[in-house]
Amino acid sequence: QHRWTSFIDALPPKGSKTLNATIKVSDPGKIMGGRTIELFAYADA
């Protein structure tokens, strides 16, 4: 699942932009504590 998305209108050659996000993972019972999860960031997702 894509937990967060953001648009960039344009980016020049050699240009860059830093994106900040808060990823929310549902865990009502808090049973995932201690686990390691993998997040993947996509440019042009």
ModelCIF file with pLDDT and N, C-alpha, C, O atoms, coordinates in Angstrom:
data_MODEL
#
_entry.id   MODEL 
#
_entity.id                         1 
_entity.type                       polymer 
_entity.pdbx_number_of_molecules   1 
#
_entity_poly.entity_id                      1 
_entity_poly.type                           'polypeptide(L)' 
_entity_poly.nstd_linkage                   no 
_entity_poly.nstd_monomer                   no 
_entity_poly.pdbx_seq_one_letter_code       QHRWTSFIDALPPKGSKTLNATIKVSDPGKIMGGRTIELFAYADA 
_entity_poly.pdbx_seq_one_letter_code_can   QHRWTSFIDALPPKGSKTLNATIKVSDPGKIMGGRTIELFAYADA 
_entity_poly.pdbx_strand_id                 A 
#
loop_
_entity_poly_seq.entity_id 
_entity_poly_seq.num 
_entity_poly_seq.mon_id 
_entity_poly_seq.hetero 
1 1  GLN n 
1 2  HIS n 
1 3  ARG n 
1 4  TRP n 
1 5  THR n 
1 6  SER n 
1 7  PHE n 
1 8  ILE n 
1 9  ASP n 
1 10 ALA n 
1 11 LEU n 
1 12 PRO n 
1 13 PRO n 
1 14 LYS n 
1 15 GLY n 
1 16 SER n 
1 17 LYS n 
1 18 THR n 
1 19 LEU n 
1 20 ASN n 
1 21 ALA n 
1 22 THR n 
1 23 ILE n 
1 24 LYS n 
1 25 VAL n 
1 26 SER n 
1 27 ASP n 
1 28 PRO n 
1 29 GLY n 
1 30 LYS n 
1 31 ILE n 
1 32 MET n 
1 33 GLY n 
1 34 GLY n 
1 35 ARG n 
1 36 THR n 
1 37 ILE n 
1 38 GLU n 
1 39 LEU n 
1 40 PHE n 
1 41 ALA n 
1 42 TYR n 
1 43 ALA n 
1 44 ASP n 
1 45 ALA n 
#
_struct_asym.id          A 
_struct_asym.entity_id   1 
#
loop_
_ma_qa_metric.id 
_ma_qa_metric.mode 
_ma_qa_metric.name 
_ma_qa_metric.software_group_id 
_ma_qa_metric.type 
1 global pLDDT . pLDDT 
2 local  pLDDT . pLDDT 
#
_ma_qa_metric_global.metric_id      1 
_ma_qa_metric_global.metric_value   90.98 
_ma_qa_metric_global.model_id       1 
_ma_qa_metric_global.ordinal_id     1 
#
loop_
_ma_qa_metric_local.label_asym_id 
_ma_qa_metric_local.label_comp_id 
_ma_qa_metric_local.label_seq_id 
_ma_qa_metric_local.metric_id 
_ma_qa_metric_local.metric_value 
_ma_qa_metric_local.model_id 
_ma_qa_metric_local.ordinal_id 
A GLN 1  2 85.00 1 1  
A HIS 2  2 85.00 1 2  
A ARG 3  2 88.00 1 3  
A TRP 4  2 89.00 1 4  
A THR 5  2 86.00 1 5  
A SER 6  2 85.00 1 6  
A PHE 7  2 84.00 1 7  
A ILE 8  2 87.00 1 8  
A ASP 9  2 81.00 1 9  
A ALA 10 2 84.00 1 10 
A LEU 11 2 88.00 1 11 
A PRO 12 2 88.00 1 12 
A PRO 13 2 87.00 1 13 
A LYS 14 2 89.00 1 14 
A GLY 15 2 92.00 1 15 
A SER 16 2 94.00 1 16 
A LYS 17 2 96.00 1 17 
A THR 18 2 96.00 1 18 
A LEU 19 2 96.00 1 19 
A ASN 20 2 96.00 1 20 
A ALA 21 2 94.00 1 21 
A THR 22 2 95.00 1 22 
A ILE 23 2 95.00 1 23 
A LYS 24 2 93.00 1 24 
A VAL 25 2 93.00 1 25 
A SER 26 2 92.00 1 26 
A ASP 27 2 93.00 1 27 
A PRO 28 2 92.00 1 28 
A GLY 29 2 88.00 1 29 
A LYS 30 2 90.00 1 30 
A ILE 31 2 92.00 1 31 
A MET 32 2 93.00 1 32 
A GLY 33 2 92.00 1 33 
A GLY 34 2 92.00 1 34 
A ARG 35 2 94.00 1 35 
A THR 36 2 95.00 1 36 
A ILE 37 2 95.00 1 37 
A GLU 38 2 96.00 1 38 
A LEU 39 2 96.00 1 39 
A PHE 40 2 95.00 1 40 
A ALA 41 2 95.00 1 41 
A TYR 42 2 92.00 1 42 
A ALA 43 2 92.00 1 43 
A ASP 44 2 88.00 1 44 
A ALA 45 2 86.00 1 45 
#
loop_
_atom_site.group_PDB 
_atom_site.id 
_atom_site.type_symbol 
_atom_site.label_atom_id 
_atom_site.label_alt_id 
_atom_site.label_comp_id 
_atom_site.label_asym_id 
_atom_site.label_entity_id 
_atom_site.label_seq_id 
_atom_site.pdbx_PDB_ins_code 
_atom_site.Cartn_x 
_atom_site.Cartn_y 
_atom_site.Cartn_z 
_atom_site.occupancy 
_atom_site.B_iso_or_equiv 
_atom_site.pdbx_formal_charge 
_atom_site.auth_seq_id 
_atom_site.auth_comp_id 
_atom_site.auth_asym_id 
_atom_site.auth_atom_id 
_atom_site.pdbx_PDB_model_num 
ATOM 1   N N  . GLN A 1 1  ? 0.814  -1.205 0.000   1.00 85.00 ? 1  GLN A N  1 
ATOM 2   C CA . GLN A 1 1  ? 0.000  0.000  0.000   1.00 85.00 ? 1  GLN A CA 1 
ATOM 3   C C  . GLN A 1 1  ? 0.851  1.259  0.000   1.00 85.00 ? 1  GLN A C  1 
ATOM 4   O O  . GLN A 1 1  ? 1.847  1.355  0.717   1.00 85.00 ? 1  GLN A O  1 
ATOM 5   N N  . HIS A 1 2  ? 0.441  2.227  -0.820  1.00 85.00 ? 2  HIS A N  1 
ATOM 6   C CA . HIS A 1 2  ? 1.065  3.545  -0.798  1.00 85.00 ? 2  HIS A CA 1 
ATOM 7   C C  . HIS A 1 2  ? 0.468  4.324  0.365   1.00 85.00 ? 2  HIS A C  1 
ATOM 8   O O  . HIS A 1 2  ? -0.692 4.732  0.316   1.00 85.00 ? 2  HIS A O  1 
ATOM 9   N N  . ARG A 1 3  ? 1.258  4.528  1.408   1.00 88.00 ? 3  ARG A N  1 
ATOM 10  C CA . ARG A 1 3  ? 0.763  5.153  2.635   1.00 88.00 ? 3  ARG A CA 1 
ATOM 11  C C  . ARG A 1 3  ? 0.808  6.682  2.571   1.00 88.00 ? 3  ARG A C  1 
ATOM 12  O O  . ARG A 1 3  ? 0.200  7.357  3.402   1.00 88.00 ? 3  ARG A O  1 
ATOM 13  N N  . TRP A 1 4  ? 1.521  7.222  1.593   1.00 89.00 ? 4  TRP A N  1 
ATOM 14  C CA . TRP A 1 4  ? 1.672  8.676  1.516   1.00 89.00 ? 4  TRP A CA 1 
ATOM 15  C C  . TRP A 1 4  ? 2.060  9.037  0.090   1.00 89.00 ? 4  TRP A C  1 
ATOM 16  O O  . TRP A 1 4  ? 2.864  8.346  -0.536  1.00 89.00 ? 4  TRP A O  1 
ATOM 17  N N  . THR A 1 5  ? 1.488  10.123 -0.422  1.00 86.00 ? 5  THR A N  1 
ATOM 18  C CA . THR A 1 5  ? 1.851  10.612 -1.755  1.00 86.00 ? 5  THR A CA 1 
ATOM 19  C C  . THR A 1 5  ? 2.035  12.106 -1.718  1.00 86.00 ? 5  THR A C  1 
ATOM 20  O O  . THR A 1 5  ? 1.458  12.798 -0.878  1.00 86.00 ? 5  THR A O  1 
ATOM 21  N N  . SER A 1 6  ? 2.848  12.603 -2.637  1.00 85.00 ? 6  SER A N  1 
ATOM 22  C CA . SER A 1 6  ? 3.068  14.044 -2.753  1.00 85.00 ? 6  SER A CA 1 
ATOM 23  C C  . SER A 1 6  ? 3.469  14.356 -4.188  1.00 85.00 ? 6  SER A C  1 
ATOM 24  O O  . SER A 1 6  ? 4.170  13.575 -4.832  1.00 85.00 ? 6  SER A O  1 
ATOM 25  N N  . PHE A 1 7  ? 3.016  15.506 -4.682  1.00 84.00 ? 7  PHE A N  1 
ATOM 26  C CA . PHE A 1 7  ? 3.292  15.895 -6.061  1.00 84.00 ? 7  PHE A CA 1 
ATOM 27  C C  . PHE A 1 7  ? 4.429  16.916 -6.129  1.00 84.00 ? 7  PHE A C  1 
ATOM 28  O O  . PHE A 1 7  ? 4.551  17.781 -5.262  1.00 84.00 ? 7  PHE A O  1 
ATOM 29  N N  . ILE A 1 8  ? 5.252  16.805 -7.161  1.00 87.00 ? 8  ILE A N  1 
ATOM 30  C CA . ILE A 1 8  ? 6.231  17.834 -7.516  1.00 87.00 ? 8  ILE A CA 1 
ATOM 31  C C  . ILE A 1 8  ? 5.853  18.333 -8.907  1.00 87.00 ? 8  ILE A C  1 
ATOM 32  O O  . ILE A 1 8  ? 5.736  17.539 -9.841  1.00 87.00 ? 8  ILE A O  1 
ATOM 33  N N  . ASP A 1 9  ? 5.664  19.629 -9.049  1.00 81.00 ? 9  ASP A N  1 
ATOM 34  C CA . ASP A 1 9  ? 5.178  20.171 -10.319 1.00 81.00 ? 9  ASP A CA 1 
ATOM 35  C C  . ASP A 1 9  ? 6.228  20.097 -11.426 1.00 81.00 ? 9  ASP A C  1 
ATOM 36  O O  . ASP A 1 9  ? 5.887  19.813 -12.574 1.00 81.00 ? 9  ASP A O  1 
ATOM 37  N N  . ALA A 1 10 ? 7.480  20.342 -11.108 1.00 84.00 ? 10 ALA A N  1 
ATOM 38  C CA . ALA A 1 10 ? 8.543  20.309 -12.123 1.00 84.00 ? 10 ALA A CA 1 
ATOM 39  C C  . ALA A 1 10 ? 9.880  20.225 -11.405 1.00 84.00 ? 10 ALA A C  1 
ATOM 40  O O  . ALA A 1 10 ? 9.999  20.596 -10.237 1.00 84.00 ? 10 ALA A O  1 
ATOM 41  N N  . LEU A 1 11 ? 10.894 19.727 -12.130 1.00 88.00 ? 11 LEU A N  1 
ATOM 42  C CA . LEU A 1 11 ? 12.225 19.604 -11.550 1.00 88.00 ? 11 LEU A CA 1 
ATOM 43  C C  . LEU A 1 11 ? 13.245 19.805 -12.661 1.00 88.00 ? 11 LEU A C  1 
ATOM 44  O O  . LEU A 1 11 ? 13.264 19.027 -13.614 1.00 88.00 ? 11 LEU A O  1 
ATOM 45  N N  . PRO A 1 12 ? 14.106 20.841 -12.567 1.00 88.00 ? 12 PRO A N  1 
ATOM 46  C CA . PRO A 1 12 ? 15.074 21.109 -13.634 1.00 88.00 ? 12 PRO A CA 1 
ATOM 47  C C  . PRO A 1 12 ? 16.194 20.077 -13.636 1.00 88.00 ? 12 PRO A C  1 
ATOM 48  O O  . PRO A 1 12 ? 16.331 19.319 -12.676 1.00 88.00 ? 12 PRO A O  1 
ATOM 49  N N  . PRO A 1 13 ? 17.003 20.034 -14.702 1.00 87.00 ? 13 PRO A N  1 
ATOM 50  C CA . PRO A 1 13 ? 18.158 19.138 -14.716 1.00 87.00 ? 13 PRO A CA 1 
ATOM 51  C C  . PRO A 1 13 ? 19.058 19.389 -13.505 1.00 87.00 ? 13 PRO A C  1 
ATOM 52  O O  . PRO A 1 13 ? 19.360 20.534 -13.169 1.00 87.00 ? 13 PRO A O  1 
ATOM 53  N N  . LYS A 1 14 ? 19.469 18.331 -12.875 1.00 89.00 ? 14 LYS A N  1 
ATOM 54  C CA . LYS A 1 14 ? 20.297 18.364 -11.671 1.00 89.00 ? 14 LYS A CA 1 
ATOM 55  C C  . LYS A 1 14 ? 19.580 19.002 -10.482 1.00 89.00 ? 14 LYS A C  1 
ATOM 56  O O  . LYS A 1 14 ? 20.205 19.295 -9.463  1.00 89.00 ? 14 LYS A O  1 
ATOM 57  N N  . GLY A 1 15 ? 18.281 19.215 -10.609 1.00 92.00 ? 15 GLY A N  1 
ATOM 58  C CA . GLY A 1 15 ? 17.502 19.786 -9.513  1.00 92.00 ? 15 GLY A CA 1 
ATOM 59  C C  . GLY A 1 15 ? 17.054 18.707 -8.539  1.00 92.00 ? 15 GLY A C  1 
ATOM 60  O O  . GLY A 1 15 ? 16.970 17.531 -8.892  1.00 92.00 ? 15 GLY A O  1 
ATOM 61  N N  . SER A 1 16 ? 16.771 19.120 -7.320  1.00 94.00 ? 16 SER A N  1 
ATOM 62  C CA . SER A 1 16 ? 16.321 18.170 -6.310  1.00 94.00 ? 16 SER A CA 1 
ATOM 63  C C  . SER A 1 16 ? 15.343 18.848 -5.365  1.00 94.00 ? 16 SER A C  1 
ATOM 64  O O  . SER A 1 16 ? 15.291 20.074 -5.265  1.00 94.00 ? 16 SER A O  1 
ATOM 65  N N  . LYS A 1 17 ? 14.573 18.023 -4.677  1.00 96.00 ? 17 LYS A N  1 
ATOM 66  C CA . LYS A 1 17 ? 13.638 18.514 -3.674  1.00 96.00 ? 17 LYS A CA 1 
ATOM 67  C C  . LYS A 1 17 ? 13.518 17.474 -2.584  1.00 96.00 ? 17 LYS A C  1 
ATOM 68  O O  . LYS A 1 17 ? 13.380 16.282 -2.858  1.00 96.00 ? 17 LYS A O  1 
ATOM 69  N N  . THR A 1 18 ? 13.570 17.936 -1.335  1.00 96.00 ? 18 THR A N  1 
ATOM 70  C CA . THR A 1 18 ? 13.438 17.041 -0.198  1.00 96.00 ? 18 THR A CA 1 
ATOM 71  C C  . THR A 1 18 ? 11.985 17.014 0.256   1.00 96.00 ? 18 THR A C  1 
ATOM 72  O O  . THR A 1 18 ? 11.366 18.059 0.456   1.00 96.00 ? 18 THR A O  1 
ATOM 73  N N  . LEU A 1 19 ? 11.455 15.817 0.413   1.00 96.00 ? 19 LEU A N  1 
ATOM 74  C CA . LEU A 1 19 ? 10.065 15.630 0.822   1.00 96.00 ? 19 LEU A CA 1 
ATOM 75  C C  . LEU A 1 19 ? 10.026 15.074 2.239   1.00 96.00 ? 19 LEU A C  1 
ATOM 76  O O  . LEU A 1 19 ? 10.781 14.163 2.578   1.00 96.00 ? 19 LEU A O  1 
ATOM 77  N N  . ASN A 1 20 ? 9.150  15.622 3.058   1.00 96.00 ? 20 ASN A N  1 
ATOM 78  C CA . ASN A 1 20 ? 8.965  15.154 4.425   1.00 96.00 ? 20 ASN A CA 1 
ATOM 79  C C  . ASN A 1 20 ? 7.593  14.511 4.546   1.00 96.00 ? 20 ASN A C  1 
ATOM 80  O O  . ASN A 1 20 ? 6.612  15.011 3.994   1.00 96.00 ? 20 ASN A O  1 
ATOM 81  N N  . ALA A 1 21 ? 7.529  13.408 5.263   1.00 94.00 ? 21 ALA A N  1 
ATOM 82  C CA . ALA A 1 21 ? 6.266  12.685 5.382   1.00 94.00 ? 21 ALA A CA 1 
ATOM 83  C C  . ALA A 1 21 ? 6.168  12.039 6.756   1.00 94.00 ? 21 ALA A C  1 
ATOM 84  O O  . ALA A 1 21 ? 7.177  11.751 7.400   1.00 94.00 ? 21 ALA A O  1 
ATOM 85  N N  . THR A 1 22 ? 4.943  11.819 7.189   1.00 95.00 ? 22 THR A N  1 
ATOM 86  C CA . THR A 1 22 ? 4.690  11.001 8.372   1.00 95.00 ? 22 THR A CA 1 
ATOM 87  C C  . THR A 1 22 ? 3.893  9.785  7.913   1.00 95.00 ? 22 THR A C  1 
ATOM 88  O O  . THR A 1 22 ? 2.746  9.907  7.483   1.00 95.00 ? 22 THR A O  1 
ATOM 89  N N  . ILE A 1 23 ? 4.509  8.626  8.009   1.00 95.00 ? 23 ILE A N  1 
ATOM 90  C CA . ILE A 1 23 ? 3.894  7.384  7.559   1.00 95.00 ? 23 ILE A CA 1 
ATOM 91  C C  . ILE A 1 23 ? 3.121  6.784  8.726   1.00 95.00 ? 23 ILE A C  1 
ATOM 92  O O  . ILE A 1 23 ? 3.659  6.622  9.821   1.00 95.00 ? 23 ILE A O  1 
ATOM 93  N N  . LYS A 1 24 ? 1.849  6.457  8.484   1.00 93.00 ? 24 LYS A N  1 
ATOM 94  C CA . LYS A 1 24 ? 1.008  5.897  9.531   1.00 93.00 ? 24 LYS A CA 1 
ATOM 95  C C  . LYS A 1 24 ? 0.699  4.432  9.218   1.00 93.00 ? 24 LYS A C  1 
ATOM 96  O O  . LYS A 1 24 ? 0.183  4.102  8.151   1.00 93.00 ? 24 LYS A O  1 
ATOM 97  N N  . VAL A 1 25 ? 1.024  3.575  10.166  1.00 93.00 ? 25 VAL A N  1 
ATOM 98  C CA . VAL A 1 25 ? 0.800  2.137  10.009  1.00 93.00 ? 25 VAL A CA 1 
ATOM 99  C C  . VAL A 1 25 ? -0.188 1.694  11.078  1.00 93.00 ? 25 VAL A C  1 
ATOM 100 O O  . VAL A 1 25 ? 0.087  1.822  12.271  1.00 93.00 ? 25 VAL A O  1 
ATOM 101 N N  . SER A 1 26 ? -1.329 1.176  10.659  1.00 92.00 ? 26 SER A N  1 
ATOM 102 C CA . SER A 1 26 ? -2.371 0.783  11.601  1.00 92.00 ? 26 SER A CA 1 
ATOM 103 C C  . SER A 1 26 ? -1.959 -0.454 12.397  1.00 92.00 ? 26 SER A C  1 
ATOM 104 O O  . SER A 1 26 ? -1.497 -1.442 11.827  1.00 92.00 ? 26 SER A O  1 
ATOM 105 N N  . ASP A 1 27 ? -2.129 -0.392 13.702  1.00 93.00 ? 27 ASP A N  1 
ATOM 106 C CA . ASP A 1 27 ? -1.795 -1.509 14.586  1.00 93.00 ? 27 ASP A CA 1 
ATOM 107 C C  . ASP A 1 27 ? -2.592 -1.344 15.887  1.00 93.00 ? 27 ASP A C  1 
ATOM 108 O O  . ASP A 1 27 ? -2.010 -1.072 16.937  1.00 93.00 ? 27 ASP A O  1 
ATOM 109 N N  . PRO A 1 28 ? -3.927 -1.509 15.822  1.00 92.00 ? 28 PRO A N  1 
ATOM 110 C CA . PRO A 1 28 ? -4.766 -1.214 16.991  1.00 92.00 ? 28 PRO A CA 1 
ATOM 111 C C  . PRO A 1 28 ? -4.343 -1.954 18.257  1.00 92.00 ? 28 PRO A C  1 
ATOM 112 O O  . PRO A 1 28 ? -4.430 -1.401 19.353  1.00 92.00 ? 28 PRO A O  1 
ATOM 113 N N  . GLY A 1 29 ? -3.885 -3.198 18.119  1.00 88.00 ? 29 GLY A N  1 
ATOM 114 C CA . GLY A 1 29 ? -3.493 -3.971 19.287  1.00 88.00 ? 29 GLY A CA 1 
ATOM 115 C C  . GLY A 1 29 ? -2.054 -3.759 19.712  1.00 88.00 ? 29 GLY A C  1 
ATOM 116 O O  . GLY A 1 29 ? -1.612 -4.355 20.695  1.00 88.00 ? 29 GLY A O  1 
ATOM 117 N N  . LYS A 1 30 ? -1.320 -2.934 19.005  1.00 90.00 ? 30 LYS A N  1 
ATOM 118 C CA . LYS A 1 30 ? 0.094  -2.648 19.275  1.00 90.00 ? 30 LYS A CA 1 
ATOM 119 C C  . LYS A 1 30 ? 0.917  -3.934 19.348  1.00 90.00 ? 30 LYS A C  1 
ATOM 120 O O  . LYS A 1 30 ? 1.801  -4.087 20.191  1.00 90.00 ? 30 LYS A O  1 
ATOM 121 N N  . ILE A 1 31 ? 0.590  -4.857 18.427  1.00 92.00 ? 31 ILE A N  1 
ATOM 122 C CA . ILE A 1 31 ? 1.286  -6.148 18.435  1.00 92.00 ? 31 ILE A CA 1 
ATOM 123 C C  . ILE A 1 31 ? 2.537  -6.132 17.567  1.00 92.00 ? 31 ILE A C  1 
ATOM 124 O O  . ILE A 1 31 ? 3.301  -7.097 17.550  1.00 92.00 ? 31 ILE A O  1 
ATOM 125 N N  . MET A 1 32 ? 2.746  -5.021 16.841  1.00 93.00 ? 32 MET A N  1 
ATOM 126 C CA . MET A 1 32 ? 3.909  -4.956 15.959  1.00 93.00 ? 32 MET A CA 1 
ATOM 127 C C  . MET A 1 32 ? 5.140  -4.383 16.641  1.00 93.00 ? 32 MET A C  1 
ATOM 128 O O  . MET A 1 32 ? 6.206  -4.284 16.034  1.00 93.00 ? 32 MET A O  1 
ATOM 129 N N  . GLY A 1 33 ? 4.986  -4.001 17.920  1.00 92.00 ? 33 GLY A N  1 
ATOM 130 C CA . GLY A 1 33 ? 6.130  -3.456 18.638  1.00 92.00 ? 33 GLY A CA 1 
ATOM 131 C C  . GLY A 1 33 ? 7.324  -4.395 18.609  1.00 92.00 ? 33 GLY A C  1 
ATOM 132 O O  . GLY A 1 33 ? 7.177  -5.598 18.826  1.00 92.00 ? 33 GLY A O  1 
ATOM 133 N N  . GLY A 1 34 ? 8.496  -3.858 18.344  1.00 92.00 ? 34 GLY A N  1 
ATOM 134 C CA . GLY A 1 34 ? 9.707  -4.653 18.270  1.00 92.00 ? 34 GLY A CA 1 
ATOM 135 C C  . GLY A 1 34 ? 10.017 -5.200 16.895  1.00 92.00 ? 34 GLY A C  1 
ATOM 136 O O  . GLY A 1 34 ? 11.126 -5.676 16.654  1.00 92.00 ? 34 GLY A O  1 
ATOM 137 N N  . ARG A 1 35 ? 9.048  -5.141 15.982  1.00 94.00 ? 35 ARG A N  1 
ATOM 138 C CA . ARG A 1 35 ? 9.281  -5.666 14.640  1.00 94.00 ? 35 ARG A CA 1 
ATOM 139 C C  . ARG A 1 35 ? 10.005 -4.648 13.765  1.00 94.00 ? 35 ARG A C  1 
ATOM 140 O O  . ARG A 1 35 ? 9.945  -3.442 14.005  1.00 94.00 ? 35 ARG A O  1 
ATOM 141 N N  . THR A 1 36 ? 10.672 -5.149 12.771  1.00 95.00 ? 36 THR A N  1 
ATOM 142 C CA . THR A 1 36 ? 11.317 -4.298 11.764  1.00 95.00 ? 36 THR A CA 1 
ATOM 143 C C  . THR A 1 36 ? 10.477 -4.344 10.499  1.00 95.00 ? 36 THR A C  1 
ATOM 144 O O  . THR A 1 36 ? 10.179 -5.418 9.978   1.00 95.00 ? 36 THR A O  1 
ATOM 145 N N  . ILE A 1 37 ? 10.101 -3.178 10.013  1.00 95.00 ? 37 ILE A N  1 
ATOM 146 C CA . ILE A 1 37 ? 9.301  -3.104 8.794   1.00 95.00 ? 37 ILE A CA 1 
ATOM 147 C C  . ILE A 1 37 ? 10.090 -2.365 7.717   1.00 95.00 ? 37 ILE A C  1 
ATOM 148 O O  . ILE A 1 37 ? 10.970 -1.559 8.019   1.00 95.00 ? 37 ILE A O  1 
ATOM 149 N N  . GLU A 1 38 ? 9.768  -2.647 6.476   1.00 96.00 ? 38 GLU A N  1 
ATOM 150 C CA . GLU A 1 38 ? 10.449 -2.037 5.347   1.00 96.00 ? 38 GLU A CA 1 
ATOM 151 C C  . GLU A 1 38 ? 9.564  -0.969 4.715   1.00 96.00 ? 38 GLU A C  1 
ATOM 152 O O  . GLU A 1 38 ? 8.386  -1.206 4.447   1.00 96.00 ? 38 GLU A O  1 
ATOM 153 N N  . LEU A 1 39 ? 10.139 0.202  4.481   1.00 96.00 ? 39 LEU A N  1 
ATOM 154 C CA . LEU A 1 39 ? 9.466  1.294  3.789   1.00 96.00 ? 39 LEU A CA 1 
ATOM 155 C C  . LEU A 1 39 ? 10.194 1.527  2.468   1.00 96.00 ? 39 LEU A C  1 
ATOM 156 O O  . LEU A 1 39 ? 11.419 1.422  2.403   1.00 96.00 ? 39 LEU A O  1 
ATOM 157 N N  . PHE A 1 40 ? 9.451  1.837  1.432   1.00 95.00 ? 40 PHE A N  1 
ATOM 158 C CA . PHE A 1 40 ? 10.052 2.119  0.132   1.00 95.00 ? 40 PHE A CA 1 
ATOM 159 C C  . PHE A 1 40 ? 9.589  3.491  -0.349  1.00 95.00 ? 40 PHE A C  1 
ATOM 160 O O  . PHE A 1 40 ? 8.391  3.753  -0.459  1.00 95.00 ? 40 PHE A O  1 
ATOM 161 N N  . ALA A 1 41 ? 10.544 4.351  -0.630  1.00 95.00 ? 41 ALA A N  1 
ATOM 162 C CA . ALA A 1 41 ? 10.250 5.678  -1.180  1.00 95.00 ? 41 ALA A CA 1 
ATOM 163 C C  . ALA A 1 41 ? 10.397 5.614  -2.690  1.00 95.00 ? 41 ALA A C  1 
ATOM 164 O O  . ALA A 1 41 ? 11.389 5.096  -3.203  1.00 95.00 ? 41 ALA A O  1 
ATOM 165 N N  . TYR A 1 42 ? 9.404  6.141  -3.405  1.00 92.00 ? 42 TYR A N  1 
ATOM 166 C CA . TYR A 1 42 ? 9.411  6.134  -4.866  1.00 92.00 ? 42 TYR A CA 1 
ATOM 167 C C  . TYR A 1 42 ? 9.465  7.565  -5.400  1.00 92.00 ? 42 TYR A C  1 
ATOM 168 O O  . TYR A 1 42 ? 8.686  8.421  -4.980  1.00 92.00 ? 42 TYR A O  1 
ATOM 169 N N  . ALA A 1 43 ? 10.383 7.815  -6.322  1.00 92.00 ? 43 ALA A N  1 
ATOM 170 C CA . ALA A 1 43 ? 10.342 9.023  -7.130  1.00 92.00 ? 43 ALA A CA 1 
ATOM 171 C C  . ALA A 1 43 ? 9.615  8.678  -8.414  1.00 92.00 ? 43 ALA A C  1 
ATOM 172 O O  . ALA A 1 43 ? 9.925  7.667  -9.043  1.00 92.00 ? 43 ALA A O  1 
ATOM 173 N N  . ASP A 1 44 ? 8.649  9.501  -8.819  1.00 88.00 ? 44 ASP A N  1 
ATOM 174 C CA . ASP A 1 44 ? 7.799  9.194  -9.971  1.00 88.00 ? 44 ASP A CA 1 
ATOM 175 C C  . ASP A 1 44 ? 7.128  7.847  -9.736  1.00 88.00 ? 44 ASP A C  1 
ATOM 176 O O  . ASP A 1 44 ? 7.347  6.888  -10.475 1.00 88.00 ? 44 ASP A O  1 
ATOM 177 N N  . ALA A 1 45 ? 6.302  7.797  -8.687  1.00 86.00 ? 45 ALA A N  1 
ATOM 178 C CA . ALA A 1 45 ? 5.732  6.544  -8.207  1.00 86.00 ? 45 ALA A CA 1 
ATOM 179 C C  . ALA A 1 45 ? 4.700  5.973  -9.173  1.00 86.00 ? 45 ALA A C  1 
ATOM 180 O O  . ALA A 1 45 ? 4.127  4.916  -8.910  1.00 86.00 ? 45 ALA A O  1 
#
